[in-house]
């Protein structure tokens, strides 16, 4: 692509993304609502999703190994991808997308945050 075509192409992609953004947020919010109950369960998949959600909330304090997503059922994996796509350019923090998000994330911290060595 010639350099003179780069800017119009980039603008076109940005406008297409902005047109799709409401649907992305809606699908991501629905996926988040499906993931939260799983993340609050003390299971292997619950731990993966819980750590994933904590990583979206604050990746520096709660690092997440993306290869752990391979441990999920396909439907849960797809939901994680939808939440990640929604969070690509967040207007609000991920916990702000659901009712009682602050309390839910506090519970996720208790369940899944890395423990300091004693």
PDB file of N, CA and C in Angstrom:
ATOM      1  N   UNK A   1       0.842  -1.168   0.000  1.00  0.00           N
ATOM      2  CA  UNK A   1       0.000   0.000   0.000  1.00  0.00           C
ATOM      3  C   UNK A   1       0.892   1.238   0.000  1.00  0.00           C
ATOM      4  N   UNK A   2       0.672   2.131  -0.928  1.00  0.00           N
ATOM      5  CA  UNK A   2       1.472   3.367  -0.951  1.00  0.00           C
ATOM      6  C   UNK A   2       1.236   4.192   0.312  1.00  0.00           C
ATOM      7  N   UNK A   3       2.263   4.927   0.738  1.00  0.00           N
ATOM      8  CA  UNK A   3       2.122   5.738   1.953  1.00  0.00           C
ATOM      9  C   UNK A   3       0.924   6.686   1.907  1.00  0.00           C
ATOM     10  N   UNK A   4       0.566   7.181   0.740  1.00  0.00           N
ATOM     11  CA  UNK A   4      -0.556   8.120   0.650  1.00  0.00           C
ATOM     12  C   UNK A   4      -1.897   7.446   0.961  1.00  0.00           C
ATOM     13  N   UNK A   5      -1.943   6.112   0.872  1.00  0.00           N
ATOM     14  CA  UNK A   5      -3.172   5.381   1.165  1.00  0.00           C
ATOM     15  C   UNK A   5      -3.268   4.957   2.637  1.00  0.00           C
ATOM     16  N   UNK A   6      -2.186   5.069   3.386  1.00  0.00           N
ATOM     17  CA  UNK A   6      -2.153   4.580   4.768  1.00  0.00           C
ATOM     18  C   UNK A   6      -3.114   5.343   5.682  1.00  0.00           C
ATOM     19  N   UNK A   7      -3.106   6.641   5.604  1.00  0.00           N
ATOM     20  CA  UNK A   7      -3.955   7.434   6.497  1.00  0.00           C
ATOM     21  C   UNK A   7      -5.436   7.201   6.201  1.00  0.00           C
ATOM     22  N   UNK A   8      -5.885   7.273   4.954  1.00  0.00           N
ATOM     23  CA  UNK A   8      -7.306   6.998   4.703  1.00  0.00           C
ATOM     24  C   UNK A   8      -7.708   5.585   5.132  1.00  0.00           C
ATOM     25  N   UNK A   9      -6.824   4.625   4.908  1.00  0.00           N
ATOM     26  CA  UNK A   9      -7.116   3.249   5.315  1.00  0.00           C
ATOM     27  C   UNK A   9      -7.246   3.157   6.832  1.00  0.00           C
ATOM     28  N   UNK A  10      -6.330   3.776   7.553  1.00  0.00           N
ATOM     29  CA  UNK A  10      -6.373   3.758   9.020  1.00  0.00           C
ATOM     30  C   UNK A  10      -7.637   4.435   9.537  1.00  0.00           C
ATOM     31  N   UNK A  11      -8.012   5.552   8.917  1.00  0.00           N
ATOM     32  CA  UNK A  11      -9.239   6.238   9.322  1.00  0.00           C
ATOM     33  C   UNK A  11     -10.472   5.384   9.060  1.00  0.00           C
ATOM     34  N   UNK A  12     -10.482   4.711   7.936  1.00  0.00           N
ATOM     35  CA  UNK A  12     -11.598   3.837   7.608  1.00  0.00           C
ATOM     36  C   UNK A  12     -11.715   2.705   8.627  1.00  0.00           C
ATOM     37  N   UNK A  13     -10.581   2.100   8.986  1.00  0.00           N
ATOM     38  CA  UNK A  13     -10.593   1.036   9.998  1.00  0.00           C
ATOM     39  C   UNK A  13     -11.083   1.561  11.347  1.00  0.00           C
ATOM     40  N   UNK A  14     -10.641   2.750  11.723  1.00  0.00           N
ATOM     41  CA  UNK A  14     -11.051   3.332  13.002  1.00  0.00           C
ATOM     42  C   UNK A  14     -12.557   3.603  13.013  1.00  0.00           C
ATOM     43  N   UNK A  15     -13.085   4.111  11.921  1.00  0.00           N
ATOM     44  CA  UNK A  15     -14.524   4.380  11.853  1.00  0.00           C
ATOM     45  C   UNK A  15     -15.330   3.088  11.875  1.00  0.00           C
ATOM     46  N   UNK A  16     -14.847   2.076  11.197  1.00  0.00           N
ATOM     47  CA  UNK A  16     -15.523   0.774  11.225  1.00  0.00           C
ATOM     48  C   UNK A  16     -15.534   0.222  12.647  1.00  0.00           C
ATOM     49  N   UNK A  17     -14.405   0.336  13.341  1.00  0.00           N
ATOM     50  CA  UNK A  17     -14.334  -0.126  14.722  1.00  0.00           C
ATOM     51  C   UNK A  17     -15.318   0.652  15.602  1.00  0.00           C
ATOM     52  N   UNK A  18     -15.372   1.970  15.447  1.00  0.00           N
ATOM     53  CA  UNK A  18     -16.299   2.772  16.248  1.00  0.00           C
ATOM     54  C   UNK A  18     -17.747   2.385  15.985  1.00  0.00           C
ATOM     55  N   UNK A  19     -18.068   2.048  14.745  1.00  0.00           N
ATOM     56  CA  UNK A  19     -19.421   1.592  14.422  1.00  0.00           C
ATOM     57  C   UNK A  19     -19.736   0.270  15.113  1.00  0.00           C
ATOM     58  N   UNK A  20     -18.737  -0.603  15.215  1.00  0.00           N
ATOM     59  CA  UNK A  20     -18.914  -1.924  15.825  1.00  0.00           C
ATOM     60  C   UNK A  20     -18.817  -1.898  17.351  1.00  0.00           C
ATOM     61  N   UNK A  21     -18.273  -0.833  17.904  1.00  0.00           N
ATOM     62  CA  UNK A  21     -17.980  -0.775  19.342  1.00  0.00           C
ATOM     63  C   UNK A  21     -19.198  -1.062  20.227  1.00  0.00           C
ATOM     64  N   UNK A  22     -20.380  -0.514  19.973  1.00  0.00           N
ATOM     65  CA  UNK A  22     -21.520  -0.847  20.846  1.00  0.00           C
ATOM     66  C   UNK A  22     -21.822  -2.350  20.889  1.00  0.00           C
ATOM     67  N   UNK A  23     -21.739  -3.023  19.764  1.00  0.00           N
ATOM     68  CA  UNK A  23     -21.981  -4.472  19.734  1.00  0.00           C
ATOM     69  C   UNK A  23     -20.875  -5.218  20.472  1.00  0.00           C
ATOM     70  N   UNK A  24     -19.637  -4.752  20.350  1.00  0.00           N
ATOM     71  CA  UNK A  24     -18.511  -5.368  21.060  1.00  0.00           C
ATOM     72  C   UNK A  24     -18.707  -5.235  22.566  1.00  0.00           C
ATOM     73  N   UNK A  25     -19.111  -4.060  23.019  1.00  0.00           N
ATOM     74  CA  UNK A  25     -19.328  -3.835  24.455  1.00  0.00           C
ATOM     75  C   UNK A  25     -20.493  -4.689  24.952  1.00  0.00           C
ATOM     76  N   UNK A  26     -21.560  -4.757  24.189  1.00  0.00           N
ATOM     77  CA  UNK A  26     -22.714  -5.565  24.583  1.00  0.00           C
ATOM     78  C   UNK A  26     -22.346  -7.045  24.699  1.00  0.00           C
ATOM     79  N   UNK A  27     -21.671  -7.571  23.694  1.00  0.00           N
ATOM     80  CA  UNK A  27     -21.255  -8.982  23.723  1.00  0.00           C
ATOM     81  C   UNK A  27     -20.256  -9.232  24.844  1.00  0.00           C
ATOM     82  N   UNK A  28     -19.334  -8.310  25.050  1.00  0.00           N
ATOM     83  CA  UNK A  28     -18.343  -8.463  26.115  1.00  0.00           C
ATOM     84  C   UNK A  28     -18.962  -8.412  27.499  1.00  0.00           C
ATOM     85  N   UNK A  29     -19.940  -7.546  27.680  1.00  0.00           N
ATOM     86  CA  UNK A  29     -20.625  -7.446  28.972  1.00  0.00           C
ATOM     87  C   UNK A  29     -21.420  -8.715  29.248  1.00  0.00           C
ATOM     88  N   UNK A  30     -22.098  -9.231  28.233  1.00  0.00           N
ATOM     89  CA  UNK A  30     -22.818 -10.495  28.395  1.00  0.00           C
ATOM     90  C   UNK A  30     -21.856 -11.627  28.760  1.00  0.00           C
ATOM     91  N   UNK A  31     -20.720 -11.675  28.082  1.00  0.00           N
ATOM     92  CA  UNK A  31     -19.711 -12.700  28.371  1.00  0.00           C
ATOM     93  C   UNK A  31     -19.175 -12.543  29.794  1.00  0.00           C
ATOM     94  N   UNK A  32     -18.940 -11.321  30.213  1.00  0.00           N
ATOM     95  CA  UNK A  32     -18.450 -11.056  31.566  1.00  0.00           C
ATOM     96  C   UNK A  32     -19.448 -11.578  32.603  1.00  0.00           C
ATOM     97  N   UNK A  33     -20.720 -11.347  32.353  1.00  0.00           N
ATOM     98  CA  UNK A  33     -21.756 -11.828  33.284  1.00  0.00           C
ATOM     99  C   UNK A  33     -21.788 -13.358  33.348  1.00  0.00           C
ATOM    100  N   UNK A  34     -21.430 -14.022  32.266  1.00  0.00           N
ATOM    101  CA  UNK A  34     -21.357 -15.490  32.296  1.00  0.00           C
ATOM    102  C   UNK A  34     -20.092 -15.970  33.006  1.00  0.00           C
ATOM    103  N   UNK A  35     -19.012 -15.216  32.877  1.00  0.00           N
ATOM    104  CA  UNK A  35     -17.739 -15.631  33.459  1.00  0.00           C
ATOM    105  C   UNK A  35     -17.670 -15.448  34.973  1.00  0.00           C
ATOM    106  N   UNK A  36     -18.303 -14.427  35.481  1.00  0.00           N
ATOM    107  CA  UNK A  36     -18.172 -14.107  36.908  1.00  0.00           C
ATOM    108  C   UNK A  36     -18.597 -15.267  37.806  1.00  0.00           C
ATOM    109  N   UNK A  37     -19.758 -15.892  37.586  1.00  0.00           N
ATOM    110  CA  UNK A  37     -20.101 -17.011  38.481  1.00  0.00           C
ATOM    111  C   UNK A  37     -19.079 -18.149  38.443  1.00  0.00           C
ATOM    112  N   UNK A  38     -18.498 -18.381  37.285  1.00  0.00           N
ATOM    113  CA  UNK A  38     -17.467 -19.425  37.172  1.00  0.00           C
ATOM    114  C   UNK A  38     -16.220 -18.996  37.949  1.00  0.00           C
ATOM    115  N   UNK A  39     -15.844 -17.725  37.832  1.00  0.00           N
ATOM    116  CA  UNK A  39     -14.637 -17.222  38.504  1.00  0.00           C
ATOM    117  C   UNK A  39     -14.763 -17.273  40.021  1.00  0.00           C
ATOM    118  N   UNK A  40     -15.974 -17.273  40.527  1.00  0.00           N
ATOM    119  CA  UNK A  40     -16.183 -17.293  41.971  1.00  0.00           C
ATOM    120  C   UNK A  40     -16.252 -18.708  42.531  1.00  0.00           C
ATOM    121  N   UNK A  41     -16.112 -19.713  41.666  1.00  0.00           N
ATOM    122  CA  UNK A  41     -16.114 -21.112  42.105  1.00  0.00           C
ATOM    123  C   UNK A  41     -14.680 -21.600  42.317  1.00  0.00           C
ATOM    124  N   UNK A  42     -14.446 -22.360  43.368  1.00  0.00           N
ATOM    125  CA  UNK A  42     -13.083 -22.868  43.625  1.00  0.00           C
ATOM    126  C   UNK A  42     -12.779 -24.108  42.775  1.00  0.00           C
ATOM    127  N   UNK A  43     -12.670 -23.880  41.467  1.00  0.00           N
ATOM    128  CA  UNK A  43     -12.349 -24.956  40.532  1.00  0.00           C
ATOM    129  C   UNK A  43     -11.156 -24.528  39.686  1.00  0.00           C
ATOM    130  N   UNK A  44     -10.629 -25.454  38.905  1.00  0.00           N
ATOM    131  CA  UNK A  44      -9.515 -25.115  38.020  1.00  0.00           C
ATOM    132  C   UNK A  44      -9.889 -24.041  37.019  1.00  0.00           C
ATOM    133  N   UNK A  45     -11.031 -24.214  36.367  1.00  0.00           N
ATOM    134  CA  UNK A  45     -11.473 -23.208  35.392  1.00  0.00           C
ATOM    135  C   UNK A  45     -11.838 -21.895  36.088  1.00  0.00           C
ATOM    136  N   UNK A  46     -12.404 -22.001  37.301  1.00  0.00           N
ATOM    137  CA  UNK A  46     -12.706 -20.800  38.068  1.00  0.00           C
ATOM    138  C   UNK A  46     -11.448 -20.003  38.365  1.00  0.00           C
ATOM    139  N   UNK A  47     -10.362 -20.706  38.692  1.00  0.00           N
ATOM    140  CA  UNK A  47      -9.098 -20.027  38.963  1.00  0.00           C
ATOM    141  C   UNK A  47      -8.536 -19.338  37.740  1.00  0.00           C
ATOM    142  N   UNK A  48      -8.621 -20.004  36.601  1.00  0.00           N
ATOM    143  CA  UNK A  48      -8.126 -19.389  35.355  1.00  0.00           C
ATOM    144  C   UNK A  48      -8.910 -18.120  35.065  1.00  0.00           C
ATOM    145  N   UNK A  49     -10.217 -18.210  35.125  1.00  0.00           N
ATOM    146  CA  UNK A  49     -11.048 -17.044  34.800  1.00  0.00           C
ATOM    147  C   UNK A  49     -10.883 -15.958  35.852  1.00  0.00           C
ATOM    148  N   UNK A  50     -10.823 -16.348  37.119  1.00  0.00           N
ATOM    149  CA  UNK A  50     -10.613 -15.359  38.174  1.00  0.00           C
ATOM    150  C   UNK A  50      -9.316 -14.594  37.997  1.00  0.00           C
ATOM    151  N   UNK A  51      -8.236 -15.307  37.704  1.00  0.00           N
ATOM    152  CA  UNK A  51      -6.938 -14.629  37.493  1.00  0.00           C
ATOM    153  C   UNK A  51      -6.949 -13.792  36.216  1.00  0.00           C
ATOM    154  N   UNK A  52      -7.651 -14.279  35.186  1.00  0.00           N
ATOM    155  CA  UNK A  52      -7.795 -13.505  33.946  1.00  0.00           C
ATOM    156  C   UNK A  52      -8.496 -12.177  34.236  1.00  0.00           C
ATOM    157  N   UNK A  53      -9.605 -12.225  34.963  1.00  0.00           N
ATOM    158  CA  UNK A  53     -10.350 -10.998  35.271  1.00  0.00           C
ATOM    159  C   UNK A  53      -9.542 -10.059  36.154  1.00  0.00           C
ATOM    160  N   UNK A  54      -8.802 -10.614  37.113  1.00  0.00           N
ATOM    161  CA  UNK A  54      -7.930  -9.765  37.931  1.00  0.00           C
ATOM    162  C   UNK A  54      -6.838  -9.123  37.075  1.00  0.00           C
ATOM    163  N   UNK A  55      -6.307  -9.877  36.118  1.00  0.00           N
ATOM    164  CA  UNK A  55      -5.283  -9.331  35.233  1.00  0.00           C
ATOM    165  C   UNK A  55      -5.806  -8.191  34.382  1.00  0.00           C
ATOM    166  N   UNK A  56      -7.052  -8.295  33.923  1.00  0.00           N
ATOM    167  CA  UNK A  56      -7.646  -7.180  33.168  1.00  0.00           C
ATOM    168  C   UNK A  56      -7.813  -5.959  34.061  1.00  0.00           C
ATOM    169  N   UNK A  57      -8.182  -6.196  35.289  1.00  0.00           N
ATOM    170  CA  UNK A  57      -8.397  -5.117  36.254  1.00  0.00           C
ATOM    171  C   UNK A  57      -7.095  -4.398  36.577  1.00  0.00           C
ATOM    172  N   UNK A  58      -6.032  -5.173  36.824  1.00  0.00           N
ATOM    173  CA  UNK A  58      -4.739  -4.585  37.170  1.00  0.00           C
ATOM    174  C   UNK A  58      -3.649  -5.616  36.886  1.00  0.00           C
ATOM    175  N   UNK A  59      -3.149  -5.592  35.660  1.00  0.00           N
ATOM    176  CA  UNK A  59      -2.169  -6.572  35.221  1.00  0.00           C
ATOM    177  C   UNK A  59      -0.836  -6.500  35.944  1.00  0.00           C
ATOM    178  N   UNK A  60      -0.503  -5.345  36.472  1.00  0.00           N
ATOM    179  CA  UNK A  60       0.768  -5.227  37.191  1.00  0.00           C
ATOM    180  C   UNK A  60       0.694  -5.944  38.538  1.00  0.00           C
ATOM    181  N   UNK A  61      -0.398  -5.762  39.241  1.00  0.00           N
ATOM    182  CA  UNK A  61      -0.547  -6.405  40.544  1.00  0.00           C
ATOM    183  C   UNK A  61      -0.984  -7.868  40.431  1.00  0.00           C
ATOM    184  N   UNK A  62      -1.697  -8.185  39.342  1.00  0.00           N
ATOM    185  CA  UNK A  62      -2.237  -9.535  39.161  1.00  0.00           C
ATOM    186  C   UNK A  62      -1.867 -10.063  37.776  1.00  0.00           C
ATOM    187  N   UNK A  63      -0.603 -10.413  37.584  1.00  0.00           N
ATOM    188  CA  UNK A  63      -0.183 -10.899  36.261  1.00  0.00           C
ATOM    189  C   UNK A  63      -0.908 -12.196  35.908  1.00  0.00           C
ATOM    190  N   UNK A  64      -1.144 -12.375  34.606  1.00  0.00           N
ATOM    191  CA  UNK A  64      -1.861 -13.546  34.129  1.00  0.00           C
ATOM    192  C   UNK A  64      -1.113 -14.171  32.967  1.00  0.00           C
ATOM    193  N   UNK A  65      -0.905 -15.487  33.046  1.00  0.00           N
ATOM    194  CA  UNK A  65      -0.241 -16.240  31.982  1.00  0.00           C
ATOM    195  C   UNK A  65      -1.295 -16.630  30.948  1.00  0.00           C
ATOM    196  N   UNK A  66      -1.211 -16.062  29.761  1.00  0.00           N
ATOM    197  CA  UNK A  66      -2.216 -16.306  28.720  1.00  0.00           C
ATOM    198  C   UNK A  66      -2.318 -17.777  28.327  1.00  0.00           C
ATOM    199  N   UNK A  67      -1.269 -18.553  28.506  1.00  0.00           N
ATOM    200  CA  UNK A  67      -1.362 -19.971  28.147  1.00  0.00           C
ATOM    201  C   UNK A  67      -2.334 -20.719  29.063  1.00  0.00           C
ATOM    202  N   UNK A  68      -2.669 -20.145  30.216  1.00  0.00           N
ATOM    203  CA  UNK A  68      -3.673 -20.763  31.091  1.00  0.00           C
ATOM    204  C   UNK A  68      -5.046 -20.812  30.431  1.00  0.00           C
ATOM    205  N   UNK A  69      -5.305 -19.940  29.463  1.00  0.00           N
ATOM    206  CA  UNK A  69      -6.589 -19.964  28.760  1.00  0.00           C
ATOM    207  C   UNK A  69      -6.813 -21.292  28.041  1.00  0.00           C
ATOM    208  N   UNK A  70      -5.745 -22.006  27.763  1.00  0.00           N
ATOM    209  CA  UNK A  70      -5.860 -23.308  27.097  1.00  0.00           C
ATOM    210  C   UNK A  70      -6.532 -24.350  27.986  1.00  0.00           C
ATOM    211  N   UNK A  71      -6.648 -24.068  29.263  1.00  0.00           N
ATOM    212  CA  UNK A  71      -7.263 -25.007  30.206  1.00  0.00           C
ATOM    213  C   UNK A  71      -8.785 -24.877  30.248  1.00  0.00           C
ATOM    214  N   UNK A  72      -9.330 -23.921  29.515  1.00  0.00           N
ATOM    215  CA  UNK A  72     -10.765 -23.654  29.565  1.00  0.00           C
ATOM    216  C   UNK A  72     -11.543 -24.437  28.517  1.00  0.00           C
ATOM    217  N   UNK A  73     -12.805 -24.677  28.823  1.00  0.00           N
ATOM    218  CA  UNK A  73     -13.727 -25.170  27.805  1.00  0.00           C
ATOM    219  C   UNK A  73     -13.841 -24.099  26.731  1.00  0.00           C
ATOM    220  N   UNK A  74     -14.202 -24.514  25.519  1.00  0.00           N
ATOM    221  CA  UNK A  74     -14.252 -23.585  24.387  1.00  0.00           C
ATOM    222  C   UNK A  74     -15.197 -22.410  24.632  1.00  0.00           C
ATOM    223  N   UNK A  75     -16.367 -22.649  25.211  1.00  0.00           N
ATOM    224  CA  UNK A  75     -17.323 -21.562  25.447  1.00  0.00           C
ATOM    225  C   UNK A  75     -16.743 -20.530  26.416  1.00  0.00           C
ATOM    226  N   UNK A  76     -16.061 -20.987  27.456  1.00  0.00           N
ATOM    227  CA  UNK A  76     -15.438 -20.057  28.412  1.00  0.00           C
ATOM    228  C   UNK A  76     -14.278 -19.305  27.764  1.00  0.00           C
ATOM    229  N   UNK A  77     -13.508 -19.993  26.954  1.00  0.00           N
ATOM    230  CA  UNK A  77     -12.412 -19.350  26.224  1.00  0.00           C
ATOM    231  C   UNK A  77     -12.962 -18.239  25.326  1.00  0.00           C
ATOM    232  N   UNK A  78     -14.025 -18.552  24.587  1.00  0.00           N
ATOM    233  CA  UNK A  78     -14.639 -17.541  23.717  1.00  0.00           C
ATOM    234  C   UNK A  78     -15.142 -16.348  24.521  1.00  0.00           C
ATOM    235  N   UNK A  79     -15.745 -16.615  25.689  1.00  0.00           N
ATOM    236  CA  UNK A  79     -16.201 -15.514  26.534  1.00  0.00           C
ATOM    237  C   UNK A  79     -15.036 -14.639  26.989  1.00  0.00           C
ATOM    238  N   UNK A  80     -13.906 -15.264  27.342  1.00  0.00           N
ATOM    239  CA  UNK A  80     -12.721 -14.480  27.735  1.00  0.00           C
ATOM    240  C   UNK A  80     -12.263 -13.587  26.589  1.00  0.00           C
ATOM    241  N   UNK A  81     -12.273 -14.122  25.379  1.00  0.00           N
ATOM    242  CA  UNK A  81     -11.861 -13.315  24.223  1.00  0.00           C
ATOM    243  C   UNK A  81     -12.808 -12.149  23.999  1.00  0.00           C
ATOM    244  N   UNK A  82     -14.106 -12.365  24.204  1.00  0.00           N
ATOM    245  CA  UNK A  82     -15.059 -11.270  24.036  1.00  0.00           C
ATOM    246  C   UNK A  82     -14.844 -10.187  25.083  1.00  0.00           C
ATOM    247  N   UNK A  83     -14.548 -10.595  26.312  1.00  0.00           N
ATOM    248  CA  UNK A  83     -14.265  -9.622  27.367  1.00  0.00           C
ATOM    249  C   UNK A  83     -12.965  -8.872  27.052  1.00  0.00           C
ATOM    250  N   UNK A  84     -11.974  -9.583  26.578  1.00  0.00           N
ATOM    251  CA  UNK A  84     -10.709  -8.945  26.212  1.00  0.00           C
ATOM    252  C   UNK A  84     -10.911  -7.954  25.074  1.00  0.00           C
ATOM    253  N   UNK A  85     -11.709  -8.313  24.087  1.00  0.00           N
ATOM    254  CA  UNK A  85     -11.983  -7.403  22.981  1.00  0.00           C
ATOM    255  C   UNK A  85     -12.724  -6.162  23.484  1.00  0.00           C
ATOM    256  N   UNK A  86     -13.661  -6.348  24.402  1.00  0.00           N
ATOM    257  CA  UNK A  86     -14.379  -5.216  24.981  1.00  0.00           C
ATOM    258  C   UNK A  86     -13.415  -4.296  25.726  1.00  0.00           C
ATOM    259  N   UNK A  87     -12.453  -4.883  26.401  1.00  0.00           N
ATOM    260  CA  UNK A  87     -11.534  -4.117  27.242  1.00  0.00           C
ATOM    261  C   UNK A  87     -10.354  -3.527  26.465  1.00  0.00           C
ATOM    262  N   UNK A  88     -10.351  -3.710  25.144  1.00  0.00           N
ATOM    263  CA  UNK A  88      -9.274  -3.180  24.307  1.00  0.00           C
ATOM    264  C   UNK A  88      -9.130  -1.666  24.478  1.00  0.00           C
ATOM    265  N   UNK A  89     -10.235  -0.960  24.447  1.00  0.00           N
ATOM    266  CA  UNK A  89     -10.248   0.485  24.690  1.00  0.00           C
ATOM    267  C   UNK A  89     -11.353   0.782  25.697  1.00  0.00           C
ATOM    268  N   UNK A  90     -11.064   0.536  26.976  1.00  0.00           N
ATOM    269  CA  UNK A  90     -12.130   0.618  27.974  1.00  0.00           C
ATOM    270  C   UNK A  90     -12.577   2.053  28.268  1.00  0.00           C
ATOM    271  N   UNK A  91     -13.877   2.240  28.228  1.00  0.00           N
ATOM    272  CA  UNK A  91     -14.444   3.511  28.680  1.00  0.00           C
ATOM    273  C   UNK A  91     -14.564   3.512  30.196  1.00  0.00           C
ATOM    274  N   UNK A  92     -14.745   2.316  30.752  1.00  0.00           N
ATOM    275  CA  UNK A  92     -14.806   2.112  32.202  1.00  0.00           C
ATOM    276  C   UNK A  92     -13.963   0.882  32.528  1.00  0.00           C
ATOM    277  N   UNK A  93     -13.546   0.784  33.772  1.00  0.00           N
ATOM    278  CA  UNK A  93     -12.795  -0.404  34.172  1.00  0.00           C
ATOM    279  C   UNK A  93     -13.712  -1.618  34.132  1.00  0.00           C
ATOM    280  N   UNK A  94     -13.132  -2.780  33.949  1.00  0.00           N
ATOM    281  CA  UNK A  94     -13.900  -4.000  33.729  1.00  0.00           C
ATOM    282  C   UNK A  94     -14.896  -4.256  34.860  1.00  0.00           C
ATOM    283  N   UNK A  95     -14.510  -4.004  36.090  1.00  0.00           N
ATOM    284  CA  UNK A  95     -15.438  -4.249  37.202  1.00  0.00           C
ATOM    285  C   UNK A  95     -16.603  -3.267  37.214  1.00  0.00           C
ATOM    286  N   UNK A  96     -16.469  -2.166  36.501  1.00  0.00           N
ATOM    287  CA  UNK A  96     -17.543  -1.182  36.405  1.00  0.00           C
ATOM    288  C   UNK A  96     -18.641  -1.585  35.425  1.00  0.00           C
ATOM    289  N   UNK A  97     -18.465  -2.681  34.735  1.00  0.00           N
ATOM    290  CA  UNK A  97     -19.448  -3.153  33.750  1.00  0.00           C
ATOM    291  C   UNK A  97     -20.569  -3.976  34.377  1.00  0.00           C
ATOM    292  N   UNK A  98     -20.419  -4.358  35.650  1.00  0.00           N
ATOM    293  CA  UNK A  98     -21.418  -5.216  36.287  1.00  0.00           C
ATOM    294  C   UNK A  98     -21.833  -4.631  37.637  1.00  0.00           C
ATOM    295  N   UNK A  99     -23.058  -4.963  38.050  1.00  0.00           N
ATOM    296  CA  UNK A  99     -23.535  -4.548  39.369  1.00  0.00           C
ATOM    297  C   UNK A  99     -22.657  -5.182  40.445  1.00  0.00           C
ATOM    298  N   UNK A 100     -22.372  -4.423  41.478  1.00  0.00           N
ATOM    299  CA  UNK A 100     -21.542  -4.888  42.602  1.00  0.00           C
ATOM    300  C   UNK A 100     -20.143  -5.307  42.163  1.00  0.00           C
ATOM    301  N   UNK A 101     -19.646  -4.724  41.085  1.00  0.00           N
ATOM    302  CA  UNK A 101     -18.336  -5.092  40.563  1.00  0.00           C
ATOM    303  C   UNK A 101     -17.214  -4.958  41.570  1.00  0.00           C
ATOM    304  N   UNK A 102     -17.246  -3.895  42.365  1.00  0.00           N
ATOM    305  CA  UNK A 102     -16.175  -3.690  43.357  1.00  0.00           C
ATOM    306  C   UNK A 102     -16.152  -4.844  44.360  1.00  0.00           C
ATOM    307  N   UNK A 103     -17.318  -5.262  44.816  1.00  0.00           N
ATOM    308  CA  UNK A 103     -17.397  -6.372  45.778  1.00  0.00           C
ATOM    309  C   UNK A 103     -16.996  -7.692  45.120  1.00  0.00           C
ATOM    310  N   UNK A 104     -17.391  -7.885  43.880  1.00  0.00           N
ATOM    311  CA  UNK A 104     -17.026  -9.110  43.161  1.00  0.00           C
ATOM    312  C   UNK A 104     -15.519  -9.197  43.008  1.00  0.00           C
ATOM    313  N   UNK A 105     -14.891  -8.092  42.603  1.00  0.00           N
ATOM    314  CA  UNK A 105     -13.434  -8.124  42.419  1.00  0.00           C
ATOM    315  C   UNK A 105     -12.712  -8.275  43.744  1.00  0.00           C
ATOM    316  N   UNK A 106     -13.269  -7.744  44.819  1.00  0.00           N
ATOM    317  CA  UNK A 106     -12.658  -7.970  46.143  1.00  0.00           C
ATOM    318  C   UNK A 106     -12.683  -9.463  46.474  1.00  0.00           C
ATOM    319  N   UNK A 107     -13.768 -10.138  46.118  1.00  0.00           N
ATOM    320  CA  UNK A 107     -13.857 -11.585  46.337  1.00  0.00           C
ATOM    321  C   UNK A 107     -12.859 -12.327  45.452  1.00  0.00           C
ATOM    322  N   UNK A 108     -12.701 -11.878  44.207  1.00  0.00           N
ATOM    323  CA  UNK A 108     -11.721 -12.501  43.314  1.00  0.00           C
ATOM    324  C   UNK A 108     -10.308 -12.365  43.873  1.00  0.00           C
ATOM    325  N   UNK A 109     -10.013 -11.223  44.466  1.00  0.00           N
ATOM    326  CA  UNK A 109      -8.694 -11.031  45.082  1.00  0.00           C
ATOM    327  C   UNK A 109      -8.491 -12.046  46.201  1.00  0.00           C
ATOM    328  N   UNK A 110      -9.506 -12.222  47.033  1.00  0.00           N
ATOM    329  CA  UNK A 110      -9.403 -13.189  48.142  1.00  0.00           C
ATOM    330  C   UNK A 110      -9.177 -14.597  47.590  1.00  0.00           C
ATOM    331  N   UNK A 111      -9.938 -14.944  46.544  1.00  0.00           N
ATOM    332  CA  UNK A 111      -9.857 -16.298  45.997  1.00  0.00           C
ATOM    333  C   UNK A 111      -8.598 -16.562  45.183  1.00  0.00           C
ATOM    334  N   UNK A 112      -8.192 -15.596  44.356  1.00  0.00           N
ATOM    335  CA  UNK A 112      -7.219 -15.914  43.302  1.00  0.00           C
ATOM    336  C   UNK A 112      -5.969 -15.054  43.241  1.00  0.00           C
ATOM    337  N   UNK A 113      -5.865 -14.019  44.057  1.00  0.00           N
ATOM    338  CA  UNK A 113      -4.650 -13.196  44.003  1.00  0.00           C
ATOM    339  C   UNK A 113      -3.457 -13.999  44.502  1.00  0.00           C
ATOM    340  N   UNK A 114      -2.292 -13.786  43.909  1.00  0.00           N
ATOM    341  CA  UNK A 114      -1.097 -14.479  44.393  1.00  0.00           C
ATOM    342  C   UNK A 114      -0.839 -14.163  45.852  1.00  0.00           C
ATOM    343  N   UNK A 115      -0.445 -15.144  46.582  1.00  0.00           N
ATOM    344  CA  UNK A 115      -0.163 -14.983  48.009  1.00  0.00           C
ATOM    345  C   UNK A 115       1.302 -14.628  48.188  1.00  0.00           C
ATOM    346  N   UNK A 116       1.549 -13.767  49.147  1.00  0.00           N
ATOM    347  CA  UNK A 116       2.934 -13.432  49.512  1.00  0.00           C
ATOM    348  C   UNK A 116       3.535 -14.624  50.260  1.00  0.00           C
ATOM    349  N   UNK A 117       4.786 -14.957  49.978  1.00  0.00           N
ATOM    350  CA  UNK A 117       5.416 -16.043  50.731  1.00  0.00           C
ATOM    351  C   UNK A 117       5.494 -15.702  52.213  1.00  0.00           C
ATOM    352  N   UNK A 118       5.255 -16.707  53.050  1.00  0.00           N
ATOM    353  CA  UNK A 118       5.313 -16.457  54.508  1.00  0.00           C
ATOM    354  C   UNK A 118       6.603 -16.972  55.084  1.00  0.00           C
TER     355      UNK A 118
END
